[in-house]
């Protein structure tokens, strides 16, 4: 099925440029680092890198799953790089990041789903600096509570795990994932360490209804999720799951109001919003600070 919808004006982004963009781009290339900004074809790469922020992706750039919305490739998987935690931590310090976001591909081939690599990275960051907030966006670890505990023992400040879409679309959009397992991961974080802030996100425009979105938002709150991101799904290529429609900025604004009513600490909702978009500002807003 091909997607021929024309993108509306509100989805246009500026061409990336500027000293900070060039510096981060060069750093990634020189040090062999991966970022979700580039690997997932994020539309905000130019804005975020120009502001001096980036989201690092660990455990390689090849995924063990085959989600139809994602631009990250699948294929042969390499063992985790033992030097990766030190490399990423050094980059975070070198780039003087005050709020570091780290995600990963899904690694179902690993017994721990990559949990040890996340834990080692947190330790490396904390060894080098005490002035950086750490936000993780993790896969579901196949529901392994012990693997999750390995990460939580290192006490990241924020732990995110995205629900991505509504339950009805899971079999078509992310067939190797389980909706309830995603909710259970978020709840398990709070069971093991109530102090860690939990976060999730959905992509809209894949064929879901407003009622379905509200039901997912309510489910997230029942499982103690505190922060929520809502953004427009953009098909990376014509071979990916097609865009059903483009959700208007007014609809996103209305859903943000609904989210606050449901009790989220903060809802970042808009066409270009992604999990890590304005991540530091999202955190500050959830703590009652200014949202720039």
Protein backbone atom coordinates (compact mmCIF):
# COMPACT_ATOMS: atom_id res chain seq x y z
CA UNK A 1 0.00 0.00 0.00
CA UNK A 2 1.42 3.37 -1.01
CA UNK A 3 1.04 6.67 0.76
CA UNK A 4 0.39 9.71 -1.41
CA UNK A 5 -0.77 12.21 1.21
CA UNK A 6 0.82 15.61 0.83
CA UNK A 7 2.51 16.98 3.93
CA UNK A 8 0.85 20.10 5.35
CA UNK A 9 2.78 23.32 5.92
CA UNK A 10 3.01 22.78 9.67
CA UNK A 11 5.33 19.79 9.09
CA UNK A 12 7.97 21.78 7.24
CA UNK A 13 11.30 22.05 9.06
CA UNK A 14 14.34 24.24 8.55
CA UNK A 15 17.43 22.89 6.83
CA UNK A 16 20.02 22.00 9.53
CA UNK A 17 22.82 24.48 9.93
CA UNK A 18 24.92 26.32 12.48
CA UNK A 19 28.04 25.80 14.56
CA UNK A 20 26.46 23.42 17.08
CA UNK A 21 24.93 21.28 14.34
CA UNK A 22 28.29 20.99 12.58
CA UNK A 23 30.09 20.18 15.84
CA UNK A 24 27.69 17.35 16.81
CA UNK A 25 27.61 15.98 13.27
CA UNK A 26 31.42 15.92 13.14
CA UNK A 27 31.66 14.34 16.60
CA UNK A 28 29.34 11.49 15.61
CA UNK A 29 31.26 10.80 12.42
CA UNK A 30 34.71 10.94 13.98
CA UNK A 31 33.85 8.75 16.98
CA UNK A 32 31.60 6.20 15.30
CA UNK A 33 28.59 7.04 17.48
CA UNK A 34 24.98 6.41 16.60
CA UNK A 35 22.12 8.80 17.26
CA UNK A 36 18.41 8.21 16.97
CA UNK A 37 18.33 11.67 15.37
CA UNK A 38 19.89 10.25 12.22
CA UNK A 39 19.13 6.52 12.36
CA UNK A 40 15.40 7.05 12.90
CA UNK A 41 15.22 9.97 10.42
CA UNK A 42 13.90 12.37 13.07
CA UNK A 43 12.46 15.58 11.57
CA UNK A 44 13.90 17.64 14.44
CA UNK A 45 17.55 16.73 13.87
CA UNK A 46 18.39 20.18 12.55
CA UNK A 47 16.72 22.09 15.38
CA UNK A 48 18.05 19.89 18.18
CA UNK A 49 21.62 19.67 16.90
CA UNK A 50 21.66 23.41 16.21
CA UNK A 51 20.72 23.91 19.89
CA UNK A 52 23.50 21.56 20.98
CA UNK A 53 21.34 18.58 22.00
CA UNK A 54 21.31 15.01 20.69
CA UNK A 55 19.88 11.60 21.55
CA UNK A 56 22.40 8.77 21.56
CA UNK A 57 21.51 5.27 20.40
CA UNK A 58 23.47 2.36 21.86
CA UNK A 59 23.78 -1.37 21.12
CA UNK A 60 24.44 -0.74 17.44
CA UNK A 61 22.21 0.51 14.65
CA UNK A 62 20.56 -2.79 13.69
CA UNK A 63 17.37 -3.98 15.40
CA UNK A 64 16.18 -7.51 16.15
CA UNK A 65 12.56 -6.57 15.43
CA UNK A 66 10.73 -5.50 12.28
CA UNK A 67 8.35 -2.68 13.23
CA UNK A 68 6.73 -1.22 10.13
CA UNK A 69 6.95 2.39 11.31
CA UNK A 70 10.66 2.50 12.10
CA UNK A 71 13.57 3.59 9.92
CA UNK A 72 16.17 1.67 11.96
CA UNK A 73 17.35 -1.29 9.92
CA UNK A 74 17.18 -4.98 10.79
CA UNK A 75 19.69 -7.62 9.85
CA UNK A 76 22.79 -9.37 11.25
CA UNK A 77 23.45 -8.34 14.85
CA UNK A 78 26.88 -7.71 16.32
CA UNK A 79 27.87 -8.23 19.97
CA UNK A 80 27.65 -5.08 22.13
CA UNK A 81 30.75 -2.91 21.87
CA UNK A 82 32.47 -3.01 25.29
CA UNK A 83 33.94 0.44 24.60
CA UNK A 84 30.57 2.00 23.77
CA UNK A 85 29.60 3.15 27.30
CA UNK A 86 32.91 5.01 27.68
CA UNK A 87 32.64 6.54 24.19
CA UNK A 88 29.09 7.82 24.71
CA UNK A 89 29.84 9.11 28.20
CA UNK A 90 32.90 10.94 26.90
CA UNK A 91 30.78 12.51 24.15
CA UNK A 92 28.17 13.69 26.65
CA UNK A 93 30.87 15.39 28.72
CA UNK A 94 32.68 16.80 25.68
CA UNK A 95 29.43 18.25 24.31
CA UNK A 96 28.63 19.65 27.78
CA UNK A 97 25.14 18.15 27.86
CA UNK A 98 23.09 18.85 30.98
CA UNK A 99 20.28 16.47 30.00
CA UNK A 100 21.42 13.36 28.15
CA UNK A 101 18.92 11.12 26.36
CA UNK A 102 20.01 7.59 25.54
CA UNK A 103 17.98 5.00 23.66
CA UNK A 104 18.78 1.76 21.88
CA UNK A 105 17.70 -0.65 19.22
CA UNK A 106 15.80 -3.69 20.49
CA UNK A 107 18.15 -6.62 21.11
CA UNK A 108 16.04 -9.72 21.69
CA UNK A 109 19.14 -11.76 20.81
CA UNK A 110 20.79 -10.77 24.10
CA UNK A 111 19.86 -12.58 27.31
CA UNK A 112 19.42 -9.28 29.15
CA UNK A 113 18.08 -7.28 26.18
CA UNK A 114 21.06 -4.94 26.54
CA UNK A 115 20.37 -3.97 30.17
CA UNK A 116 24.00 -4.32 31.26
CA UNK A 117 25.10 -1.92 28.52
CA UNK A 118 22.61 0.69 29.72
CA UNK A 119 23.77 0.22 33.31
CA UNK A 120 27.44 0.53 32.40
CA UNK A 121 26.73 3.70 30.45
CA UNK A 122 24.97 5.32 33.40
CA UNK A 123 27.95 4.47 35.61
CA UNK A 124 30.37 5.91 33.04
CA UNK A 125 28.40 9.17 32.79
CA UNK A 126 28.19 9.56 36.56
CA UNK A 127 31.90 8.80 36.92
CA UNK A 128 32.72 11.68 34.58
CA UNK A 129 30.15 14.28 35.64
CA UNK A 130 27.65 14.94 38.40
CA UNK A 131 26.01 17.71 36.38
CA UNK A 132 24.01 15.76 33.81
CA UNK A 133 20.45 14.47 34.08
CA UNK A 134 20.09 11.01 32.52
CA UNK A 135 16.99 10.04 30.54
CA UNK A 136 16.69 6.56 29.05
CA UNK A 137 14.30 5.33 26.38
CA UNK A 138 14.47 1.55 26.61
CA UNK A 139 12.99 -1.43 24.72
CA UNK A 140 10.64 -3.78 26.57
CA UNK A 141 13.44 -6.25 27.50
CA UNK A 142 10.82 -8.93 26.74
CA UNK A 143 9.29 -8.16 30.11
CA UNK A 144 12.34 -9.38 32.05
CA UNK A 145 12.07 -7.80 35.51
CA UNK A 146 15.61 -8.75 36.48
CA UNK A 147 17.00 -7.05 33.37
CA UNK A 148 14.96 -3.95 34.19
CA UNK A 149 16.28 -4.06 37.76
CA UNK A 150 19.85 -4.02 36.39
CA UNK A 151 19.11 -0.65 34.80
CA UNK A 152 17.07 0.79 37.66
CA UNK A 153 19.79 -0.02 40.20
CA UNK A 154 21.86 2.73 38.56
CA UNK A 155 19.01 5.21 39.12
CA UNK A 156 18.43 7.04 35.85
CA UNK A 157 16.46 10.23 36.41
CA UNK A 158 13.82 9.43 33.77
CA UNK A 159 12.94 6.11 32.20
CA UNK A 160 10.86 6.05 29.05
CA UNK A 161 9.28 3.19 27.14
CA UNK A 162 7.00 4.03 24.24
CA UNK A 163 3.61 2.46 23.69
CA UNK A 164 3.87 3.84 20.09
CA UNK A 165 0.28 3.22 18.93
CA UNK A 166 -3.14 1.90 19.97
CA UNK A 167 -3.67 -1.82 20.69
CA UNK A 168 -5.77 -2.43 17.56
CA UNK A 169 -2.82 -1.50 15.33
CA UNK A 170 -0.12 -3.50 17.12
CA UNK A 171 -0.35 -6.59 14.90
CA UNK A 172 0.13 -4.44 11.79
CA UNK A 173 2.56 -1.82 13.08
CA UNK A 174 4.74 -3.58 15.68
CA UNK A 175 3.87 -7.30 15.50
CA UNK A 176 6.66 -8.47 17.83
CA UNK A 177 5.55 -6.17 20.67
CA UNK A 178 2.76 -6.70 23.21
CA UNK A 179 0.65 -3.77 24.36
CA UNK A 180 0.14 -5.02 27.92
CA UNK A 181 3.83 -5.82 28.28
CA UNK A 182 4.64 -2.19 27.45
CA UNK A 183 2.29 -1.01 30.17
CA UNK A 184 3.71 -3.55 32.61
CA UNK A 185 7.27 -2.28 32.03
CA UNK A 186 6.22 1.23 33.05
CA UNK A 187 4.37 -0.06 36.11
CA UNK A 188 7.34 -2.23 37.10
CA UNK A 189 9.63 0.80 37.10
CA UNK A 190 7.41 2.43 39.71
CA UNK A 191 7.16 -0.80 41.71
CA UNK A 192 10.94 -1.13 41.89
CA UNK A 193 11.80 2.55 42.33
CA UNK A 194 8.96 5.07 42.76
CA UNK A 195 11.41 8.00 42.56
CA UNK A 196 12.24 7.41 38.89
CA UNK A 197 10.09 9.46 36.51
CA UNK A 198 8.32 7.38 33.85
CA UNK A 199 7.56 8.48 30.31
CA UNK A 200 5.88 7.12 27.18
CA UNK A 201 4.84 8.28 23.73
CA UNK A 202 2.47 7.68 20.84
CA UNK A 203 2.64 8.43 17.14
CA UNK A 204 -0.65 9.64 15.67
CA UNK A 205 -1.99 9.51 12.13
CA UNK A 206 -1.69 5.75 11.63
CA UNK A 207 -5.43 5.10 11.53
CA UNK A 208 -6.27 5.31 15.22
CA UNK A 209 -9.38 7.10 16.49
CA UNK A 210 -9.42 9.86 19.08
CA UNK A 211 -11.31 7.55 21.44
CA UNK A 212 -8.57 4.92 21.12
CA UNK A 213 -5.89 7.48 21.89
CA UNK A 214 -7.74 8.61 25.01
CA UNK A 215 -8.08 4.98 26.12
CA UNK A 216 -4.32 4.47 25.77
CA UNK A 217 -3.65 7.68 27.68
CA UNK A 218 -5.94 6.45 30.46
CA UNK A 219 -4.16 3.08 30.50
CA UNK A 220 -0.79 4.82 30.83
CA UNK A 221 -2.02 6.82 33.80
CA UNK A 222 -3.38 3.66 35.44
CA UNK A 223 0.14 2.27 35.16
CA UNK A 224 1.61 5.43 36.76
CA UNK A 225 3.18 6.96 33.66
CA UNK A 226 4.00 10.61 34.38
CA UNK A 227 5.22 12.17 31.12
CA UNK A 228 3.66 11.75 27.68
CA UNK A 229 4.67 12.72 24.16
CA UNK A 230 2.25 12.81 21.22
CA UNK A 231 3.56 13.40 17.70
CA UNK A 232 2.69 12.92 14.05
CA UNK A 233 3.76 9.65 12.44
CA UNK A 234 5.83 10.23 9.30
CA UNK A 235 6.53 7.21 7.11
CA UNK A 236 10.31 7.07 6.49
CA UNK A 237 9.81 5.57 3.02
CA UNK A 238 6.96 4.39 0.81
CA UNK A 239 7.72 0.84 1.94
CA UNK A 240 6.86 1.62 5.56
CA UNK A 241 3.44 1.66 7.18
CA UNK A 242 1.46 4.41 5.40
CA UNK A 243 0.29 7.65 6.98
CA UNK A 244 -3.50 7.55 7.26
CA UNK A 245 -3.87 11.27 7.93
CA UNK A 246 -2.09 14.34 9.25
CA UNK A 247 -3.34 15.38 12.66
CA UNK A 248 -3.83 19.13 12.99
CA UNK A 249 -2.04 21.29 15.57
CA UNK A 250 -5.43 22.08 17.15
CA UNK A 251 -6.09 18.37 17.66
CA UNK A 252 -2.70 17.93 19.30
CA UNK A 253 -3.41 20.90 21.58
CA UNK A 254 -6.75 19.41 22.61
CA UNK A 255 -5.11 16.08 23.45
CA UNK A 256 -2.57 17.88 25.63
CA UNK A 257 -5.47 19.34 27.62
CA UNK A 258 -7.01 15.87 27.91
CA UNK A 259 -3.69 14.51 29.14
CA UNK A 260 -3.39 17.10 31.87
CA UNK A 261 -6.97 16.29 32.90
CA UNK A 262 -6.02 12.63 33.17
CA UNK A 263 -3.21 13.56 35.54
CA UNK A 264 0.03 13.47 33.53
CA UNK A 265 2.70 15.73 35.01
CA UNK A 266 3.36 17.05 31.50
CA UNK A 267 2.17 16.33 27.96
CA UNK A 268 4.30 17.41 25.01
CA UNK A 269 1.90 17.27 22.07
CA UNK A 270 2.42 18.54 18.52
CA UNK A 271 3.05 17.43 14.95
CA UNK A 272 6.86 17.40 15.24
CA UNK A 273 7.08 16.07 18.80
CA UNK A 274 9.21 12.97 19.39
CA UNK A 275 10.19 11.21 22.63
CA UNK A 276 13.37 13.20 23.07
CA UNK A 277 12.16 16.47 21.52
CA UNK A 278 12.68 19.27 24.07
CA UNK A 279 13.35 16.51 26.63
CA UNK A 280 14.95 18.88 29.13
CA UNK A 281 12.10 21.36 28.78
CA UNK A 282 9.60 18.52 29.24
CA UNK A 283 11.29 17.58 32.50
CA UNK A 284 11.39 21.16 33.73
CA UNK A 285 7.72 21.69 32.90
CA UNK A 286 6.79 18.52 34.78
CA UNK A 287 8.62 19.90 37.82
CA UNK A 288 6.73 23.18 37.66
CA UNK A 289 9.45 25.12 35.87
CA UNK A 290 9.24 27.25 32.77
CA UNK A 291 8.71 25.52 29.45
CA UNK A 292 10.65 27.38 26.79
